[in-house]
Amino acid sequence: LAFIETLDHPEMVGVNPEVAHEFMAGLNFVHGVAQALEVGKLFHIDLNDQAFGRYDQDFRFGSVNLK
Protein backbone atom coordinates (compact mmCIF):
# COMPACT_ATOMS: atom_id res chain seq x y z
CA LEU A 1 0.00 0.00 0.00
CA ALA A 2 2.78 2.41 0.84
CA PHE A 3 4.34 2.53 -2.62
CA ILE A 4 1.11 2.91 -4.63
CA GLU A 5 1.16 6.70 -4.36
CA THR A 6 4.64 6.77 -5.92
CA LEU A 7 3.35 5.30 -9.19
CA ASP A 8 2.50 7.35 -12.28
CA HIS A 9 -1.21 6.45 -12.06
CA PRO A 10 -1.96 5.48 -8.44
CA GLU A 11 -5.69 5.81 -9.09
CA MET A 12 -5.44 2.68 -11.26
CA VAL A 13 -3.80 0.50 -8.60
CA GLY A 14 -5.41 -1.28 -5.67
CA VAL A 15 -5.13 -4.51 -3.73
CA ASN A 16 -6.89 -7.86 -3.83
CA PRO A 17 -6.49 -9.52 -0.42
CA GLU A 18 -6.96 -13.28 -0.55
CA VAL A 19 -8.13 -15.17 2.54
CA ALA A 20 -5.94 -18.23 1.88
CA HIS A 21 -2.76 -16.24 1.23
CA GLU A 22 -3.22 -14.22 4.42
CA PHE A 23 -3.82 -17.46 6.35
CA MET A 24 -0.67 -19.11 4.91
CA ALA A 25 1.41 -16.07 5.87
CA GLY A 26 0.00 -16.00 9.40
CA LEU A 27 -1.59 -12.59 8.83
CA ASN A 28 -4.96 -11.25 9.94
CA PHE A 29 -7.26 -11.04 6.90
CA VAL A 30 -9.62 -8.55 8.53
CA HIS A 31 -6.72 -6.25 9.36
CA GLY A 32 -5.48 -6.31 5.76
CA VAL A 33 -8.94 -5.49 4.42
CA ALA A 34 -9.29 -2.65 6.94
CA GLN A 35 -5.95 -1.16 5.88
CA ALA A 36 -6.92 -1.23 2.21
CA LEU A 37 -10.35 0.26 2.93
CA GLU A 38 -8.84 3.06 5.00
CA VAL A 39 -6.73 4.30 2.10
CA GLY A 40 -9.36 3.62 -0.59
CA LYS A 41 -7.41 0.85 -2.30
CA LEU A 42 -9.60 -2.21 -1.72
CA PHE A 43 -10.48 -3.22 -5.29
CA HIS A 44 -11.52 -6.86 -4.79
CA ILE A 45 -11.56 -9.64 -2.16
CA ASP A 46 -10.73 -13.25 -3.03
CA LEU A 47 -12.79 -15.39 -0.68
CA ASN A 48 -11.37 -18.89 -0.55
CA ASP A 49 -10.17 -21.24 2.16
CA GLN A 50 -6.99 -23.01 3.15
CA ALA A 51 -6.02 -25.97 5.29
CA PHE A 52 -2.74 -25.55 7.13
CA GLY A 53 0.08 -25.71 4.60
CA ARG A 54 2.50 -23.64 2.55
CA TYR A 55 0.86 -23.92 -0.86
CA ASP A 56 -2.36 -22.41 -2.20
CA GLN A 57 -5.20 -24.94 -2.05
CA ASP A 58 -8.11 -22.72 -3.21
CA PHE A 59 -10.81 -24.50 -1.23
CA ARG A 60 -14.35 -23.09 -1.17
CA PHE A 61 -14.72 -20.23 1.31
CA GLY A 62 -15.74 -21.58 4.73
CA SER A 63 -15.08 -25.23 3.87
CA VAL A 64 -12.07 -25.55 6.20
CA ASN A 65 -11.91 -22.65 8.66
CA LEU A 66 -15.30 -21.57 9.94
CA LYS A 67 -14.34 -18.41 11.81
PDB file of N, CA and C in Angstrom:
ATOM      1  N   LEU A   1       0.813  -1.200   0.000  1.00  0.00           N
ATOM      2  CA  LEU A   1       0.000   0.000   0.000  1.00  0.00           C
ATOM      3  C   LEU A   1       0.852   1.256   0.000  1.00  0.00           C
ATOM      4  N   ALA A   2       1.970   1.205   0.677  1.00  0.00           N
ATOM      5  CA  ALA A   2       2.784   2.412   0.843  1.00  0.00           C
ATOM      6  C   ALA A   2       3.359   2.932  -0.470  1.00  0.00           C
ATOM      7  N   PHE A   3       3.691   2.063  -1.393  1.00  0.00           N
ATOM      8  CA  PHE A   3       4.341   2.527  -2.619  1.00  0.00           C
ATOM      9  C   PHE A   3       3.356   2.932  -3.717  1.00  0.00           C
ATOM     10  N   ILE A   4       2.083   2.625  -3.561  1.00  0.00           N
ATOM     11  CA  ILE A   4       1.114   2.907  -4.625  1.00  0.00           C
ATOM     12  C   ILE A   4       1.118   4.378  -5.019  1.00  0.00           C
ATOM     13  N   GLU A   5       1.199   5.261  -4.061  1.00  0.00           N
ATOM     14  CA  GLU A   5       1.161   6.699  -4.358  1.00  0.00           C
ATOM     15  C   GLU A   5       2.392   7.184  -5.113  1.00  0.00           C
ATOM     16  N   THR A   6       3.437   6.374  -5.184  1.00  0.00           N
ATOM     17  CA  THR A   6       4.642   6.774  -5.918  1.00  0.00           C
ATOM     18  C   THR A   6       4.545   6.431  -7.407  1.00  0.00           C
ATOM     19  N   LEU A   7       3.519   5.720  -7.804  1.00  0.00           N
ATOM     20  CA  LEU A   7       3.351   5.300  -9.194  1.00  0.00           C
ATOM     21  C   LEU A   7       2.814   6.441 -10.054  1.00  0.00           C
ATOM     22  N   ASP A   8       2.978   6.319 -11.352  1.00  0.00           N
ATOM     23  CA  ASP A   8       2.498   7.348 -12.278  1.00  0.00           C
ATOM     24  C   ASP A   8       0.985   7.505 -12.241  1.00  0.00           C
ATOM     25  N   HIS A   9       0.258   6.413 -12.085  1.00  0.00           N
ATOM     26  CA  HIS A   9      -1.209   6.452 -12.063  1.00  0.00           C
ATOM     27  C   HIS A   9      -1.736   5.679 -10.848  1.00  0.00           C
ATOM     28  N   PRO A  10      -1.547   6.210  -9.638  1.00  0.00           N
ATOM     29  CA  PRO A  10      -1.961   5.482  -8.437  1.00  0.00           C
ATOM     30  C   PRO A  10      -3.462   5.214  -8.380  1.00  0.00           C
ATOM     31  N   GLU A  11      -4.242   6.012  -9.092  1.00  0.00           N
ATOM     32  CA  GLU A  11      -5.693   5.807  -9.087  1.00  0.00           C
ATOM     33  C   GLU A  11      -6.089   4.505  -9.794  1.00  0.00           C
ATOM     34  N   MET A  12      -5.164   3.922 -10.529  1.00  0.00           N
ATOM     35  CA  MET A  12      -5.442   2.685 -11.261  1.00  0.00           C
ATOM     36  C   MET A  12      -4.947   1.437 -10.523  1.00  0.00           C
ATOM     37  N   VAL A  13      -4.409   1.618  -9.323  1.00  0.00           N
ATOM     38  CA  VAL A  13      -3.798   0.504  -8.598  1.00  0.00           C
ATOM     39  C   VAL A  13      -4.489   0.311  -7.256  1.00  0.00           C
ATOM     40  N   GLY A  14      -4.809  -0.937  -6.956  1.00  0.00           N
ATOM     41  CA  GLY A  14      -5.406  -1.280  -5.675  1.00  0.00           C
ATOM     42  C   GLY A  14      -4.933  -2.659  -5.258  1.00  0.00           C
ATOM     43  N   VAL A  15      -5.539  -3.196  -4.224  1.00  0.00           N
ATOM     44  CA  VAL A  15      -5.134  -4.512  -3.730  1.00  0.00           C
ATOM     45  C   VAL A  15      -6.303  -5.491  -3.779  1.00  0.00           C
ATOM     46  N   ASN A  16      -5.948  -6.762  -3.786  1.00  0.00           N
ATOM     47  CA  ASN A  16      -6.895  -7.864  -3.830  1.00  0.00           C
ATOM     48  C   ASN A  16      -6.500  -8.856  -2.738  1.00  0.00           C
ATOM     49  N   PRO A  17      -6.855  -8.580  -1.472  1.00  0.00           N
ATOM     50  CA  PRO A  17      -6.486  -9.522  -0.418  1.00  0.00           C
ATOM     51  C   PRO A  17      -7.166 -10.877  -0.642  1.00  0.00           C
ATOM     52  N   GLU A  18      -6.429 -11.928  -0.383  1.00  0.00           N
ATOM     53  CA  GLU A  18      -6.956 -13.284  -0.545  1.00  0.00           C
ATOM     54  C   GLU A  18      -6.902 -13.987   0.801  1.00  0.00           C
ATOM     55  N   VAL A  19      -8.027 -14.520   1.233  1.00  0.00           N
ATOM     56  CA  VAL A  19      -8.131 -15.166   2.538  1.00  0.00           C
ATOM     57  C   VAL A  19      -7.051 -16.232   2.713  1.00  0.00           C
ATOM     58  N   ALA A  20      -6.898 -17.123   1.749  1.00  0.00           N
ATOM     59  CA  ALA A  20      -5.943 -18.230   1.879  1.00  0.00           C
ATOM     60  C   ALA A  20      -4.502 -17.743   1.967  1.00  0.00           C
ATOM     61  N   HIS A  21      -4.137 -16.742   1.189  1.00  0.00           N
ATOM     62  CA  HIS A  21      -2.763 -16.235   1.230  1.00  0.00           C
ATOM     63  C   HIS A  21      -2.461 -15.589   2.575  1.00  0.00           C
ATOM     64  N   GLU A  22      -3.414 -14.837   3.107  1.00  0.00           N
ATOM     65  CA  GLU A  22      -3.220 -14.218   4.422  1.00  0.00           C
ATOM     66  C   GLU A  22      -3.070 -15.306   5.487  1.00  0.00           C
ATOM     67  N   PHE A  23      -3.883 -16.359   5.395  1.00  0.00           N
ATOM     68  CA  PHE A  23      -3.817 -17.464   6.347  1.00  0.00           C
ATOM     69  C   PHE A  23      -2.459 -18.157   6.282  1.00  0.00           C
ATOM     70  N   MET A  24      -1.972 -18.443   5.065  1.00  0.00           N
ATOM     71  CA  MET A  24      -0.675 -19.109   4.907  1.00  0.00           C
ATOM     72  C   MET A  24       0.457 -18.275   5.494  1.00  0.00           C
ATOM     73  N   ALA A  25       0.357 -16.954   5.384  1.00  0.00           N
ATOM     74  CA  ALA A  25       1.411 -16.065   5.870  1.00  0.00           C
ATOM     75  C   ALA A  25       1.270 -15.758   7.356  1.00  0.00           C
ATOM     76  N   GLY A  26       0.217 -16.259   7.984  1.00  0.00           N
ATOM     77  CA  GLY A  26       0.001 -16.001   9.403  1.00  0.00           C
ATOM     78  C   GLY A  26      -0.492 -14.591   9.681  1.00  0.00           C
ATOM     79  N   LEU A  27      -1.103 -13.958   8.682  1.00  0.00           N
ATOM     80  CA  LEU A  27      -1.592 -12.588   8.831  1.00  0.00           C
ATOM     81  C   LEU A  27      -3.074 -12.581   9.177  1.00  0.00           C
ATOM     82  N   ASN A  28      -3.558 -11.431   9.601  1.00  0.00           N
ATOM     83  CA  ASN A  28      -4.962 -11.251   9.939  1.00  0.00           C
ATOM     84  C   ASN A  28      -5.687 -10.678   8.727  1.00  0.00           C
ATOM     85  N   PHE A  29      -6.553 -11.459   8.105  1.00  0.00           N
ATOM     86  CA  PHE A  29      -7.257 -11.040   6.896  1.00  0.00           C
ATOM     87  C   PHE A  29      -8.078  -9.775   7.130  1.00  0.00           C
ATOM     88  N   VAL A  30      -8.778  -9.712   8.236  1.00  0.00           N
ATOM     89  CA  VAL A  30      -9.623  -8.549   8.530  1.00  0.00           C
ATOM     90  C   VAL A  30      -8.777  -7.288   8.638  1.00  0.00           C
ATOM     91  N   HIS A  31      -7.616  -7.398   9.232  1.00  0.00           N
ATOM     92  CA  HIS A  31      -6.717  -6.246   9.360  1.00  0.00           C
ATOM     93  C   HIS A  31      -6.265  -5.758   7.982  1.00  0.00           C
ATOM     94  N   GLY A  32      -5.909  -6.683   7.106  1.00  0.00           N
ATOM     95  CA  GLY A  32      -5.485  -6.314   5.756  1.00  0.00           C
ATOM     96  C   GLY A  32      -6.581  -5.622   4.972  1.00  0.00           C
ATOM     97  N   VAL A  33      -7.802  -6.117   5.097  1.00  0.00           N
ATOM     98  CA  VAL A  33      -8.940  -5.490   4.423  1.00  0.00           C
ATOM     99  C   VAL A  33      -9.174  -4.093   4.988  1.00  0.00           C
ATOM    100  N   ALA A  34      -9.088  -3.957   6.306  1.00  0.00           N
ATOM    101  CA  ALA A  34      -9.287  -2.649   6.941  1.00  0.00           C
ATOM    102  C   ALA A  34      -8.243  -1.638   6.476  1.00  0.00           C
ATOM    103  N   GLN A  35      -6.997  -2.063   6.354  1.00  0.00           N
ATOM    104  CA  GLN A  35      -5.947  -1.160   5.877  1.00  0.00           C
ATOM    105  C   GLN A  35      -6.243  -0.679   4.460  1.00  0.00           C
ATOM    106  N   ALA A  36      -6.622  -1.590   3.594  1.00  0.00           N
ATOM    107  CA  ALA A  36      -6.918  -1.230   2.208  1.00  0.00           C
ATOM    108  C   ALA A  36      -8.135  -0.317   2.119  1.00  0.00           C
ATOM    109  N   LEU A  37      -9.155  -0.593   2.909  1.00  0.00           N
ATOM    110  CA  LEU A  37     -10.349   0.262   2.929  1.00  0.00           C
ATOM    111  C   LEU A  37     -10.018   1.673   3.393  1.00  0.00           C
ATOM    112  N   GLU A  38      -9.185   1.759   4.421  1.00  0.00           N
ATOM    113  CA  GLU A  38      -8.838   3.057   5.005  1.00  0.00           C
ATOM    114  C   GLU A  38      -8.200   3.998   3.989  1.00  0.00           C
ATOM    115  N   VAL A  39      -7.399   3.457   3.089  1.00  0.00           N
ATOM    116  CA  VAL A  39      -6.728   4.303   2.095  1.00  0.00           C
ATOM    117  C   VAL A  39      -7.413   4.262   0.727  1.00  0.00           C
ATOM    118  N   GLY A  40      -8.595   3.644   0.655  1.00  0.00           N
ATOM    119  CA  GLY A  40      -9.359   3.623  -0.588  1.00  0.00           C
ATOM    120  C   GLY A  40      -8.771   2.757  -1.681  1.00  0.00           C
ATOM    121  N   LYS A  41      -8.075   1.690  -1.303  1.00  0.00           N
ATOM    122  CA  LYS A  41      -7.407   0.847  -2.299  1.00  0.00           C
ATOM    123  C   LYS A  41      -7.890  -0.600  -2.302  1.00  0.00           C
ATOM    124  N   LEU A  42      -9.038  -0.862  -1.693  1.00  0.00           N
ATOM    125  CA  LEU A  42      -9.601  -2.207  -1.724  1.00  0.00           C
ATOM    126  C   LEU A  42     -10.393  -2.351  -3.015  1.00  0.00           C
ATOM    127  N   PHE A  43      -9.842  -3.080  -3.979  1.00  0.00           N
ATOM    128  CA  PHE A  43     -10.476  -3.223  -5.287  1.00  0.00           C
ATOM    129  C   PHE A  43     -11.259  -4.529  -5.419  1.00  0.00           C
ATOM    130  N   HIS A  44     -10.899  -5.543  -4.652  1.00  0.00           N
ATOM    131  CA  HIS A  44     -11.524  -6.861  -4.789  1.00  0.00           C
ATOM    132  C   HIS A  44     -11.128  -7.687  -3.574  1.00  0.00           C
ATOM    133  N   ILE A  45     -11.918  -8.686  -3.217  1.00  0.00           N
ATOM    134  CA  ILE A  45     -11.562  -9.639  -2.160  1.00  0.00           C
ATOM    135  C   ILE A  45     -11.714 -11.041  -2.732  1.00  0.00           C
ATOM    136  N   ASP A  46     -10.692 -11.861  -2.566  1.00  0.00           N
ATOM    137  CA  ASP A  46     -10.727 -13.245  -3.033  1.00  0.00           C
ATOM    138  C   ASP A  46     -11.073 -14.128  -1.838  1.00  0.00           C
ATOM    139  N   LEU A  47     -12.329 -14.549  -1.776  1.00  0.00           N
ATOM    140  CA  LEU A  47     -12.787 -15.393  -0.676  1.00  0.00           C
ATOM    141  C   LEU A  47     -12.571 -16.855  -1.038  1.00  0.00           C
ATOM    142  N   ASN A  48     -11.593 -17.452  -0.408  1.00  0.00           N
ATOM    143  CA  ASN A  48     -11.373 -18.886  -0.550  1.00  0.00           C
ATOM    144  C   ASN A  48     -10.855 -19.399   0.782  1.00  0.00           C
ATOM    145  N   ASP A  49     -10.573 -20.665   0.883  1.00  0.00           N
ATOM    146  CA  ASP A  49     -10.169 -21.236   2.162  1.00  0.00           C
ATOM    147  C   ASP A  49      -8.894 -22.041   2.000  1.00  0.00           C
ATOM    148  N   GLN A  50      -8.316 -22.414   3.131  1.00  0.00           N
ATOM    149  CA  GLN A  50      -6.989 -23.012   3.148  1.00  0.00           C
ATOM    150  C   GLN A  50      -6.855 -23.902   4.367  1.00  0.00           C
ATOM    151  N   ALA A  51      -6.442 -25.139   4.171  1.00  0.00           N
ATOM    152  CA  ALA A  51      -6.018 -25.973   5.286  1.00  0.00           C
ATOM    153  C   ALA A  51      -4.586 -25.560   5.611  1.00  0.00           C
ATOM    154  N   PHE A  52      -4.105 -25.925   6.773  1.00  0.00           N
ATOM    155  CA  PHE A  52      -2.739 -25.546   7.128  1.00  0.00           C
ATOM    156  C   PHE A  52      -1.777 -26.113   6.093  1.00  0.00           C
ATOM    157  N   GLY A  53      -0.899 -25.278   5.597  1.00  0.00           N
ATOM    158  CA  GLY A  53       0.080 -25.706   4.602  1.00  0.00           C
ATOM    159  C   GLY A  53       0.727 -24.503   3.961  1.00  0.00           C
ATOM    160  N   ARG A  54       1.748 -24.739   3.163  1.00  0.00           N
ATOM    161  CA  ARG A  54       2.503 -23.640   2.552  1.00  0.00           C
ATOM    162  C   ARG A  54       2.269 -23.539   1.049  1.00  0.00           C
ATOM    163  N   TYR A  55       1.181 -24.059   0.557  1.00  0.00           N
ATOM    164  CA  TYR A  55       0.857 -23.922  -0.860  1.00  0.00           C
ATOM    165  C   TYR A  55      -0.629 -23.572  -0.967  1.00  0.00           C
ATOM    166  N   ASP A  56      -1.000 -22.903  -2.012  1.00  0.00           N
ATOM    167  CA  ASP A  56      -2.361 -22.413  -2.202  1.00  0.00           C
ATOM    168  C   ASP A  56      -3.283 -23.555  -2.612  1.00  0.00           C
ATOM    169  N   GLN A  57      -4.301 -23.820  -1.795  1.00  0.00           N
ATOM    170  CA  GLN A  57      -5.199 -24.941  -2.051  1.00  0.00           C
ATOM    171  C   GLN A  57      -6.521 -24.515  -2.692  1.00  0.00           C
ATOM    172  N   ASP A  58      -6.888 -23.260  -2.584  1.00  0.00           N
ATOM    173  CA  ASP A  58      -8.107 -22.721  -3.211  1.00  0.00           C
ATOM    174  C   ASP A  58      -9.372 -23.520  -2.906  1.00  0.00           C
ATOM    175  N   PHE A  59      -9.565 -23.846  -1.628  1.00  0.00           N
ATOM    176  CA  PHE A  59     -10.813 -24.498  -1.233  1.00  0.00           C
ATOM    177  C   PHE A  59     -11.949 -23.475  -1.232  1.00  0.00           C
ATOM    178  N   ARG A  60     -13.184 -23.983  -1.265  1.00  0.00           N
ATOM    179  CA  ARG A  60     -14.346 -23.094  -1.171  1.00  0.00           C
ATOM    180  C   ARG A  60     -14.309 -22.332   0.146  1.00  0.00           C
ATOM    181  N   PHE A  61     -14.710 -21.077   0.123  1.00  0.00           N
ATOM    182  CA  PHE A  61     -14.719 -20.234   1.314  1.00  0.00           C
ATOM    183  C   PHE A  61     -15.583 -20.874   2.400  1.00  0.00           C
ATOM    184  N   GLY A  62     -15.020 -21.009   3.599  1.00  0.00           N
ATOM    185  CA  GLY A  62     -15.737 -21.580   4.727  1.00  0.00           C
ATOM    186  C   GLY A  62     -15.730 -23.092   4.791  1.00  0.00           C
ATOM    187  N   SER A  63     -15.064 -23.762   3.869  1.00  0.00           N
ATOM    188  CA  SER A  63     -15.076 -25.225   3.870  1.00  0.00           C
ATOM    189  C   SER A  63     -14.070 -25.825   4.845  1.00  0.00           C
ATOM    190  N   VAL A  64     -13.093 -25.041   5.290  1.00  0.00           N
ATOM    191  CA  VAL A  64     -12.071 -25.552   6.203  1.00  0.00           C
ATOM    192  C   VAL A  64     -12.079 -24.788   7.522  1.00  0.00           C
ATOM    193  N   ASN A  65     -11.988 -23.491   7.467  1.00  0.00           N
ATOM    194  CA  ASN A  65     -11.908 -22.649   8.665  1.00  0.00           C
ATOM    195  C   ASN A  65     -13.188 -21.841   8.832  1.00  0.00           C
ATOM    196  N   LEU A  66     -14.050 -22.290   9.700  1.00  0.00           N
ATOM    197  CA  LEU A  66     -15.305 -21.570   9.942  1.00  0.00           C
ATOM    198  C   LEU A  66     -15.115 -20.593  11.087  1.00  0.00           C
ATOM    199  N   LYS A  67     -14.572 -19.430  10.783  1.00  0.00           N
ATOM    200  CA  LYS A  67     -14.343 -18.406  11.814  1.00  0.00           C
ATOM    201  C   LYS A  67     -15.268 -17.250  11.584  1.00  0.00           C
TER     202      LYS A  67
END
